[in-house]
Structure formats: structure tokens, C-alpha cells
PDB file of N, CA and C in Angstrom:
ATOM      1  N   MET A   1      17.282 -16.089  17.317  1.00  0.00           N
ATOM      2  CA  MET A   1      17.400 -15.194  15.355  1.00  0.00           C
ATOM      3  C   MET A   1      16.209 -14.835  15.253  1.00  0.00           C
ATOM      4  N   GLY A   2      15.720 -13.637  14.409  1.00  0.00           N
ATOM      5  CA  GLY A   2      14.841 -13.857  14.058  1.00  0.00           C
ATOM      6  C   GLY A   2      13.979 -13.962  13.047  1.00  0.00           C
ATOM      7  N   GLU A   3      12.997 -13.707  12.358  1.00  0.00           N
ATOM      8  CA  GLU A   3      12.084 -14.111  11.171  1.00  0.00           C
ATOM      9  C   GLU A   3      12.492 -13.570  10.592  1.00  0.00           C
ATOM     10  N   SER A   4      12.562 -13.901   8.960  1.00  0.00           N
ATOM     11  CA  SER A   4      13.013 -13.470   8.330  1.00  0.00           C
ATOM     12  C   SER A   4      11.847 -12.743   7.411  1.00  0.00           C
ATOM     13  N   PHE A   5      11.876 -11.157   6.823  1.00  0.00           N
ATOM     14  CA  PHE A   5      10.264 -10.569   6.302  1.00  0.00           C
ATOM     15  C   PHE A   5      10.303 -11.621   5.478  1.00  0.00           C
ATOM     16  N   ALA A   6      10.655 -12.242   4.348  1.00  0.00           N
ATOM     17  CA  ALA A   6       9.332 -13.575   3.740  1.00  0.00           C
ATOM     18  C   ALA A   6       9.073 -13.630   4.287  1.00  0.00           C
ATOM     19  N   ASP A   7       9.410 -14.222   5.995  1.00  0.00           N
ATOM     20  CA  ASP A   7       8.481 -15.099   6.947  1.00  0.00           C
ATOM     21  C   ASP A   7       7.184 -14.395   7.602  1.00  0.00           C
ATOM     22  N   GLN A   8       7.963 -13.361   7.461  1.00  0.00           N
ATOM     23  CA  GLN A   8       6.868 -12.423   8.741  1.00  0.00           C
ATOM     24  C   GLN A   8       5.701 -12.493   7.029  1.00  0.00           C
ATOM     25  N   MET A   9       6.394 -11.926   5.895  1.00  0.00           N
ATOM     26  CA  MET A   9       5.253 -11.836   4.557  1.00  0.00           C
ATOM     27  C   MET A   9       4.481 -12.930   4.331  1.00  0.00           C
ATOM     28  N   SER A  10       4.841 -14.642   4.943  1.00  0.00           N
ATOM     29  CA  SER A  10       4.098 -15.346   4.621  1.00  0.00           C
ATOM     30  C   SER A  10       2.772 -15.666   5.968  1.00  0.00           C
ATOM     31  N   TYR A  11       2.927 -15.191   7.337  1.00  0.00           N
ATOM     32  CA  TYR A  11       2.365 -14.808   8.126  1.00  0.00           C
ATOM     33  C   TYR A  11       1.285 -14.107   7.820  1.00  0.00           C
ATOM     34  N   TRP A  12       1.186 -12.550   7.671  1.00  0.00           N
ATOM     35  CA  TRP A  12       0.572 -11.710   6.652  1.00  0.00           C
ATOM     36  C   TRP A  12      -0.382 -12.319   5.901  1.00  0.00           C
ATOM     37  N   ARG A  13       0.072 -12.821   4.793  1.00  0.00           N
ATOM     38  CA  ARG A  13      -0.483 -12.950   3.569  1.00  0.00           C
ATOM     39  C   ARG A  13      -1.648 -14.446   4.068  1.00  0.00           C
ATOM     40  N   LYS A  14      -1.795 -15.106   4.810  1.00  0.00           N
ATOM     41  CA  LYS A  14      -2.273 -16.168   5.572  1.00  0.00           C
ATOM     42  C   LYS A  14      -3.742 -15.826   6.407  1.00  0.00           C
ATOM     43  N   LEU A  15      -4.145 -14.081   7.061  1.00  0.00           N
ATOM     44  CA  LEU A  15      -4.682 -13.966   7.284  1.00  0.00           C
ATOM     45  C   LEU A  15      -5.826 -13.096   6.317  1.00  0.00           C
ATOM     46  N   HIS A  16      -6.587 -12.990   6.648  1.00  0.00           N
ATOM     47  CA  HIS A  16      -7.811 -11.954   6.414  1.00  0.00           C
ATOM     48  C   HIS A  16      -8.214 -10.738   6.380  1.00  0.00           C
ATOM     49  N   PHE A  17      -7.824  -9.980   5.676  1.00  0.00           N
ATOM     50  CA  PHE A  17      -8.773  -8.583   6.164  1.00  0.00           C
ATOM     51  C   PHE A  17      -8.427  -7.619   5.650  1.00  0.00           C
ATOM     52  N   GLU A  18      -9.512  -6.241   5.648  1.00  0.00           N
ATOM     53  CA  GLU A  18      -9.186  -5.335   5.144  1.00  0.00           C
ATOM     54  C   GLU A  18      -8.369  -4.208   5.308  1.00  0.00           C
ATOM     55  N   LEU A  19      -7.601  -3.569   4.480  1.00  0.00           N
ATOM     56  CA  LEU A  19      -6.988  -2.253   4.945  1.00  0.00           C
ATOM     57  C   LEU A  19      -7.168  -1.106   3.800  1.00  0.00           C
ATOM     58  N   TYR A  20      -7.658   0.032   4.102  1.00  0.00           N
ATOM     59  CA  TYR A  20      -8.471   1.034   3.651  1.00  0.00           C
ATOM     60  C   TYR A  20      -7.160   2.412   4.270  1.00  0.00           C
ATOM     61  N   LEU A  21      -5.570   2.216   2.762  1.00  0.00           N
ATOM     62  CA  LEU A  21      -5.334   3.707   2.964  1.00  0.00           C
ATOM     63  C   LEU A  21      -5.369   4.579   2.181  1.00  0.00           C
ATOM     64  N   HIS A  22      -6.624   4.621   1.515  1.00  0.00           N
ATOM     65  CA  HIS A  22      -7.017   5.970   0.595  1.00  0.00           C
ATOM     66  C   HIS A  22      -7.256   6.792   1.606  1.00  0.00           C
ATOM     67  N   GLY A  23      -6.653   8.598   1.189  1.00  0.00           N
ATOM     68  CA  GLY A  23      -7.009   9.603   2.189  1.00  0.00           C
ATOM     69  C   GLY A  23      -5.556   9.677   3.302  1.00  0.00           C
ATOM     70  N   ASN A  24      -4.758   8.692   3.300  1.00  0.00           N
ATOM     71  CA  ASN A  24      -4.525   8.982   4.419  1.00  0.00           C
ATOM     72  C   ASN A  24      -2.765   9.145   3.914  1.00  0.00           C
ATOM     73  N   PRO A  25      -2.045  10.220   4.789  1.00  0.00           N
ATOM     74  CA  PRO A  25      -0.634  10.908   3.497  1.00  0.00           C
ATOM     75  C   PRO A  25       0.303   9.861   3.830  1.00  0.00           C
ATOM     76  N   LEU A  26      -0.072   9.101   2.879  1.00  0.00           N
ATOM     77  CA  LEU A  26       1.511   8.115   3.416  1.00  0.00           C
ATOM     78  C   LEU A  26       2.722   9.098   2.680  1.00  0.00           C
ATOM     79  N   VAL A  27       3.604   8.821   3.428  1.00  0.00           N
ATOM     80  CA  VAL A  27       5.390   9.176   3.327  1.00  0.00           C
ATOM     81  C   VAL A  27       6.358   7.504   3.077  1.00  0.00           C
ATOM     82  N   CYS A  28       6.048   7.549   1.740  1.00  0.00           N
ATOM     83  CA  CYS A  28       6.840   6.635   0.729  1.00  0.00           C
ATOM     84  C   CYS A  28       8.344   6.656   1.332  1.00  0.00           C
ATOM     85  N   ASP A  29       8.875   5.864   2.216  1.00  0.00           N
ATOM     86  CA  ASP A  29      10.299   6.111   2.391  1.00  0.00           C
ATOM     87  C   ASP A  29      10.722   4.860   2.847  1.00  0.00           C
ATOM     88  N   ASP A  30      11.649   4.415   3.415  1.00  0.00           N
ATOM     89  CA  ASP A  30      12.422   3.286   3.642  1.00  0.00           C
ATOM     90  C   ASP A  30      11.635   2.216   4.493  1.00  0.00           C
ATOM     91  N   LYS A  31      10.785   3.502   4.793  1.00  0.00           N
ATOM     92  CA  LYS A  31      10.088   3.129   6.714  1.00  0.00           C
ATOM     93  C   LYS A  31       8.882   1.916   5.904  1.00  0.00           C
ATOM     94  N   LEU A  32       8.306   2.092   4.750  1.00  0.00           N
ATOM     95  CA  LEU A  32       7.485   2.100   4.781  1.00  0.00           C
ATOM     96  C   LEU A  32       7.602   1.426   3.356  1.00  0.00           C
ATOM     97  N   ALA A  33       8.775   0.969   2.860  1.00  0.00           N
ATOM     98  CA  ALA A  33       9.366  -0.492   1.834  1.00  0.00           C
ATOM     99  C   ALA A  33       8.527  -1.592   1.694  1.00  0.00           C
ATOM    100  N   TRP A  34       8.209  -2.616   2.875  1.00  0.00           N
ATOM    101  CA  TRP A  34       7.609  -3.507   3.473  1.00  0.00           C
ATOM    102  C   TRP A  34       5.833  -3.237   2.990  1.00  0.00           C
ATOM    103  N   LEU A  35       5.121  -2.260   3.253  1.00  0.00           N
ATOM    104  CA  LEU A  35       3.835  -2.062   2.718  1.00  0.00           C
ATOM    105  C   LEU A  35       3.646  -2.128   1.083  1.00  0.00           C
ATOM    106  N   ILE A  36       4.530  -1.215   0.510  1.00  0.00           N
ATOM    107  CA  ILE A  36       4.898  -1.016  -0.705  1.00  0.00           C
ATOM    108  C   ILE A  36       5.212  -2.369  -1.889  1.00  0.00           C
ATOM    109  N   GLU A  37       5.879  -3.181  -1.342  1.00  0.00           N
ATOM    110  CA  GLU A  37       6.876  -4.407  -1.855  1.00  0.00           C
ATOM    111  C   GLU A  37       5.222  -5.377  -1.417  1.00  0.00           C
ATOM    112  N   PHE A  38       4.204  -5.606  -0.544  1.00  0.00           N
ATOM    113  CA  PHE A  38       3.428  -6.283  -0.089  1.00  0.00           C
ATOM    114  C   PHE A  38       1.964  -5.918  -1.454  1.00  0.00           C
ATOM    115  N   VAL A  39       1.979  -4.308  -1.731  1.00  0.00           N
ATOM    116  CA  VAL A  39       0.961  -3.485  -2.424  1.00  0.00           C
ATOM    117  C   VAL A  39       1.236  -4.419  -4.035  1.00  0.00           C
ATOM    118  N   LYS A  40       2.947  -4.215  -4.010  1.00  0.00           N
ATOM    119  CA  LYS A  40       3.139  -5.005  -5.252  1.00  0.00           C
ATOM    120  C   LYS A  40       2.719  -6.325  -5.728  1.00  0.00           C
ATOM    121  N   ALA A  41       3.020  -7.089  -4.987  1.00  0.00           N
ATOM    122  CA  ALA A  41       2.991  -8.203  -4.611  1.00  0.00           C
ATOM    123  C   ALA A  41       1.604  -9.212  -5.290  1.00  0.00           C
ATOM    124  N   GLY A  42       0.888  -7.773  -5.038  1.00  0.00           N
ATOM    125  CA  GLY A  42      -0.813  -8.370  -5.078  1.00  0.00           C
ATOM    126  C   GLY A  42      -1.370  -8.695  -4.081  1.00  0.00           C
ATOM    127  N   HIS A  43      -0.940  -8.571  -3.154  1.00  0.00           N
ATOM    128  CA  HIS A  43      -1.730  -8.590  -1.679  1.00  0.00           C
ATOM    129  C   HIS A  43      -2.622  -7.545  -0.627  1.00  0.00           C
ATOM    130  N   VAL A  44      -2.739  -7.414  -1.691  1.00  0.00           N
ATOM    131  CA  VAL A  44      -3.350  -5.734  -1.150  1.00  0.00           C
ATOM    132  C   VAL A  44      -4.004  -5.602  -1.920  1.00  0.00           C
ATOM    133  N   LYS A  45      -5.597  -5.343  -2.052  1.00  0.00           N
ATOM    134  CA  LYS A  45      -6.185  -4.412  -2.921  1.00  0.00           C
ATOM    135  C   LYS A  45      -5.802  -2.828  -3.112  1.00  0.00           C
ATOM    136  N   GLU A  46      -5.906  -2.612  -4.178  1.00  0.00           N
ATOM    137  CA  GLU A  46      -5.139  -1.277  -3.947  1.00  0.00           C
ATOM    138  C   GLU A  46      -5.767  -0.090  -4.500  1.00  0.00           C
ATOM    139  N   THR A  47      -7.322  -0.804  -4.969  1.00  0.00           N
ATOM    140  CA  THR A  47      -8.638  -0.051  -5.476  1.00  0.00           C
ATOM    141  C   THR A  47      -9.966  -0.095  -4.477  1.00  0.00           C
ATOM    142  N   PHE A  48      -9.805   1.401  -4.490  1.00  0.00           N
ATOM    143  CA  PHE A  48     -11.343   1.577  -3.218  1.00  0.00           C
ATOM    144  C   PHE A  48     -12.697   1.803  -4.004  1.00  0.00           C
ATOM    145  N   TRP A  49     -13.379   1.648  -4.302  1.00  0.00           N
ATOM    146  CA  TRP A  49     -14.759   2.088  -4.230  1.00  0.00           C
ATOM    147  C   TRP A  49     -15.631   2.681  -3.418  1.00  0.00           C
ATOM    148  N   ASP A  50     -15.863   3.777  -3.316  1.00  0.00           N
ATOM    149  CA  ASP A  50     -16.564   4.077  -1.816  1.00  0.00           C
ATOM    150  C   ASP A  50     -18.485   4.269  -2.204  1.00  0.00           C
ATOM    151  N   THR A  51     -19.101   3.151  -2.052  1.00  0.00           N
ATOM    152  CA  THR A  51     -20.030   2.581  -2.118  1.00  0.00           C
ATOM    153  C   THR A  51     -21.026   3.298  -1.592  1.00  0.00           C
ATOM    154  N   SER A  52     -21.232   4.248  -0.365  1.00  0.00           N
ATOM    155  CA  SER A  52     -21.740   5.260  -0.303  1.00  0.00           C
ATOM    156  C   SER A  52     -22.105   6.160  -1.612  1.00  0.00           C
ATOM    157  N   ASN A  53     -21.227   6.315  -2.398  1.00  0.00           N
ATOM    158  CA  ASN A  53     -21.100   7.172  -3.529  1.00  0.00           C
ATOM    159  C   ASN A  53     -20.232   6.989  -4.324  1.00  0.00           C
ATOM    160  N   PRO A  54     -20.951   5.530  -5.626  1.00  0.00           N
ATOM    161  CA  PRO A  54     -19.839   5.117  -6.421  1.00  0.00           C
ATOM    162  C   PRO A  54     -20.295   6.075  -7.757  1.00  0.00           C
ATOM    163  N   ARG A  55     -20.318   7.098  -7.961  1.00  0.00           N
ATOM    164  CA  ARG A  55     -20.379   7.868  -9.019  1.00  0.00           C
ATOM    165  C   ARG A  55     -18.443   8.364  -8.434  1.00  0.00           C
ATOM    166  N   GLU A  56     -18.006   8.317  -7.506  1.00  0.00           N
ATOM    167  CA  GLU A  56     -17.080   8.793  -7.471  1.00  0.00           C
ATOM    168  C   GLU A  56     -15.894   7.369  -6.895  1.00  0.00           C
ATOM    169  N   GLY A  57     -14.246   7.495  -7.880  1.00  0.00           N
ATOM    170  CA  GLY A  57     -13.824   6.739  -7.689  1.00  0.00           C
ATOM    171  C   GLY A  57     -13.344   5.709  -8.928  1.00  0.00           C
ATOM    172  N   PRO A  58     -12.615   5.018  -9.235  1.00  0.00           N
ATOM    173  CA  PRO A  58     -11.734   4.856  -8.064  1.00  0.00           C
ATOM    174  C   PRO A  58     -11.078   5.108  -7.172  1.00  0.00           C
ATOM    175  N   PHE A  59     -10.423   4.852  -6.105  1.00  0.00           N
ATOM    176  CA  PHE A  59      -9.797   5.748  -5.437  1.00  0.00           C
ATOM    177  C   PHE A  59      -8.606   5.103  -4.975  1.00  0.00           C
ATOM    178  N   ILE A  60      -7.536   5.163  -5.784  1.00  0.00           N
ATOM    179  CA  ILE A  60      -6.062   4.791  -5.481  1.00  0.00           C
ATOM    180  C   ILE A  60      -5.350   4.978  -5.065  1.00  0.00           C
ATOM    181  N   SER A  61      -4.702   4.267  -3.361  1.00  0.00           N
ATOM    182  CA  SER A  61      -3.752   4.444  -2.719  1.00  0.00           C
ATOM    183  C   SER A  61      -1.817   5.241  -3.350  1.00  0.00           C
ATOM    184  N   THR A  62      -2.046   6.438  -2.401  1.00  0.00           N
ATOM    185  CA  THR A  62      -0.954   6.888  -2.866  1.00  0.00           C
ATOM    186  C   THR A  62      -0.025   7.758  -1.691  1.00  0.00           C
ATOM    187  N   CYS A  63       1.174   8.079  -2.546  1.00  0.00           N
ATOM    188  CA  CYS A  63       1.564   8.774  -1.093  1.00  0.00           C
ATOM    189  C   CYS A  63       1.663  10.240  -1.815  1.00  0.00           C
ATOM    190  N   ALA A  64       2.038  10.404   0.040  1.00  0.00           N
ATOM    191  CA  ALA A  64       1.806  12.119   0.484  1.00  0.00           C
ATOM    192  C   ALA A  64       3.451  13.403   0.006  1.00  0.00           C
ATOM    193  N   ALA A  65       3.610  12.031   0.204  1.00  0.00           N
ATOM    194  CA  ALA A  65       5.603  12.263   0.348  1.00  0.00           C
ATOM    195  C   ALA A  65       6.690  11.249   0.154  1.00  0.00           C
ATOM    196  N   PRO A  66       8.105  11.660   0.232  1.00  0.00           N
ATOM    197  CA  PRO A  66       8.371  12.538   0.161  1.00  0.00           C
ATOM    198  C   PRO A  66       8.287  13.535  -1.814  1.00  0.00           C
ATOM    199  N   GLU A  67       9.133  13.931  -1.837  1.00  0.00           N
ATOM    200  CA  GLU A  67       8.302  15.326  -2.563  1.00  0.00           C
ATOM    201  C   GLU A  67       8.463  14.502  -4.131  1.00  0.00           C
ATOM    202  N   LYS A  68       9.534  13.501  -4.293  1.00  0.00           N
ATOM    203  CA  LYS A  68       9.960  12.691  -5.886  1.00  0.00           C
ATOM    204  C   LYS A  68       8.154  11.863  -6.029  1.00  0.00           C
ATOM    205  N   HIS A  69       7.508  11.235  -4.910  1.00  0.00           N
ATOM    206  CA  HIS A  69       6.416  10.152  -4.865  1.00  0.00           C
ATOM    207  C   HIS A  69       5.094  10.837  -4.661  1.00  0.00           C
ATOM    208  N   ALA A  70       5.133  11.640  -4.233  1.00  0.00           N
ATOM    209  CA  ALA A  70       3.816  12.209  -4.588  1.00  0.00           C
ATOM    210  C   ALA A  70       3.016  12.503  -5.511  1.00  0.00           C
ATOM    211  N   GLY A  71       2.010  12.447  -5.087  1.00  0.00           N
ATOM    212  CA  GLY A  71       0.673  11.601  -6.448  1.00  0.00           C
ATOM    213  C   GLY A  71       1.184  10.330  -6.733  1.00  0.00           C
ATOM    214  N   VAL A  72       1.701   9.427  -6.593  1.00  0.00           N
ATOM    215  CA  VAL A  72       2.248   7.550  -7.151  1.00  0.00           C
ATOM    216  C   VAL A  72       1.340   6.714  -6.520  1.00  0.00           C
ATOM    217  N   ALA A  73       0.857   6.385  -6.962  1.00  0.00           N
ATOM    218  CA  ALA A  73       0.577   4.810  -6.856  1.00  0.00           C
ATOM    219  C   ALA A  73       1.752   4.049  -5.663  1.00  0.00           C
ATOM    220  N   LEU A  74       1.163   3.450  -5.085  1.00  0.00           N
ATOM    221  CA  LEU A  74       2.169   2.752  -4.063  1.00  0.00           C
ATOM    222  C   LEU A  74       2.715   1.562  -5.497  1.00  0.00           C
ATOM    223  N   LYS A  75       1.658   0.976  -5.840  1.00  0.00           N
ATOM    224  CA  LYS A  75       2.476   0.115  -6.928  1.00  0.00           C
ATOM    225  C   LYS A  75       3.343   0.700  -8.150  1.00  0.00           C
ATOM    226  N   ASN A  76       3.080   1.992  -7.866  1.00  0.00           N
ATOM    227  CA  ASN A  76       4.689   2.270  -8.852  1.00  0.00           C
ATOM    228  C   ASN A  76       5.536   2.944  -8.495  1.00  0.00           C
ATOM    229  N   VAL A  77       6.063   3.364  -7.203  1.00  0.00           N
ATOM    230  CA  VAL A  77       7.013   3.395  -6.792  1.00  0.00           C
ATOM    231  C   VAL A  77       8.235   2.814  -6.267  1.00  0.00           C
ATOM    232  N   LYS A  78       9.075   3.693  -7.234  1.00  0.00           N
ATOM    233  CA  LYS A  78      10.603   3.049  -7.124  1.00  0.00           C
ATOM    234  C   LYS A  78      11.216   3.217  -6.500  1.00  0.00           C
ATOM    235  N   PHE A  79      11.955   2.511  -5.742  1.00  0.00           N
ATOM    236  CA  PHE A  79      13.158   3.360  -4.723  1.00  0.00           C
ATOM    237  C   PHE A  79      14.838   3.338  -5.600  1.00  0.00           C
ATOM    238  N   ASP A  80      15.137   4.112  -5.395  1.00  0.00           N
ATOM    239  CA  ASP A  80      16.842   4.375  -5.527  1.00  0.00           C
ATOM    240  C   ASP A  80      17.837   3.201  -5.347  1.00  0.00           C
TER     241      ASP A  80
END
């Protein structure tokens, strides 16, 4: 039997990595729900500052689609 989602997330929380999502056209549907839940749980730093241009920012990762989620920050996405 495969690992549960919670077990898989436990593994990812042990890793130390940076994931820059800003600027990517994220489709916030059920296929990306795992990442959205990961962000909501506080396991992903969602604000990004461009250190090469400190006057701009902060940048927050948002959804590009579907239309009902377009422009919504990942941490604020609500699924029906």
C-alpha cells in the first residue's frame, strides 16, 4: 500500500530547499491543491524579494487560472 498524503508531506517538511513560484502561470486546480495546502500550512515561504532590485516587491505567488482564482494569492485559494 502507498504512503498517505500526510506521510509524503512529512518527508518534504524535512528537506531544506527554496522554491520560487513567482512569475509562473500557476493553474490553481485540484492538481495543484497539494502545493496550495503546503503553502497554507506555512511550509513554503510565499513572499519573494528581488534582491537585485530591492525597490520592487514583495512578490507573492498568485494563480493565473482558472478565472475564479486568477490573481488570488496561493494562501487565499479556496476550493469548492
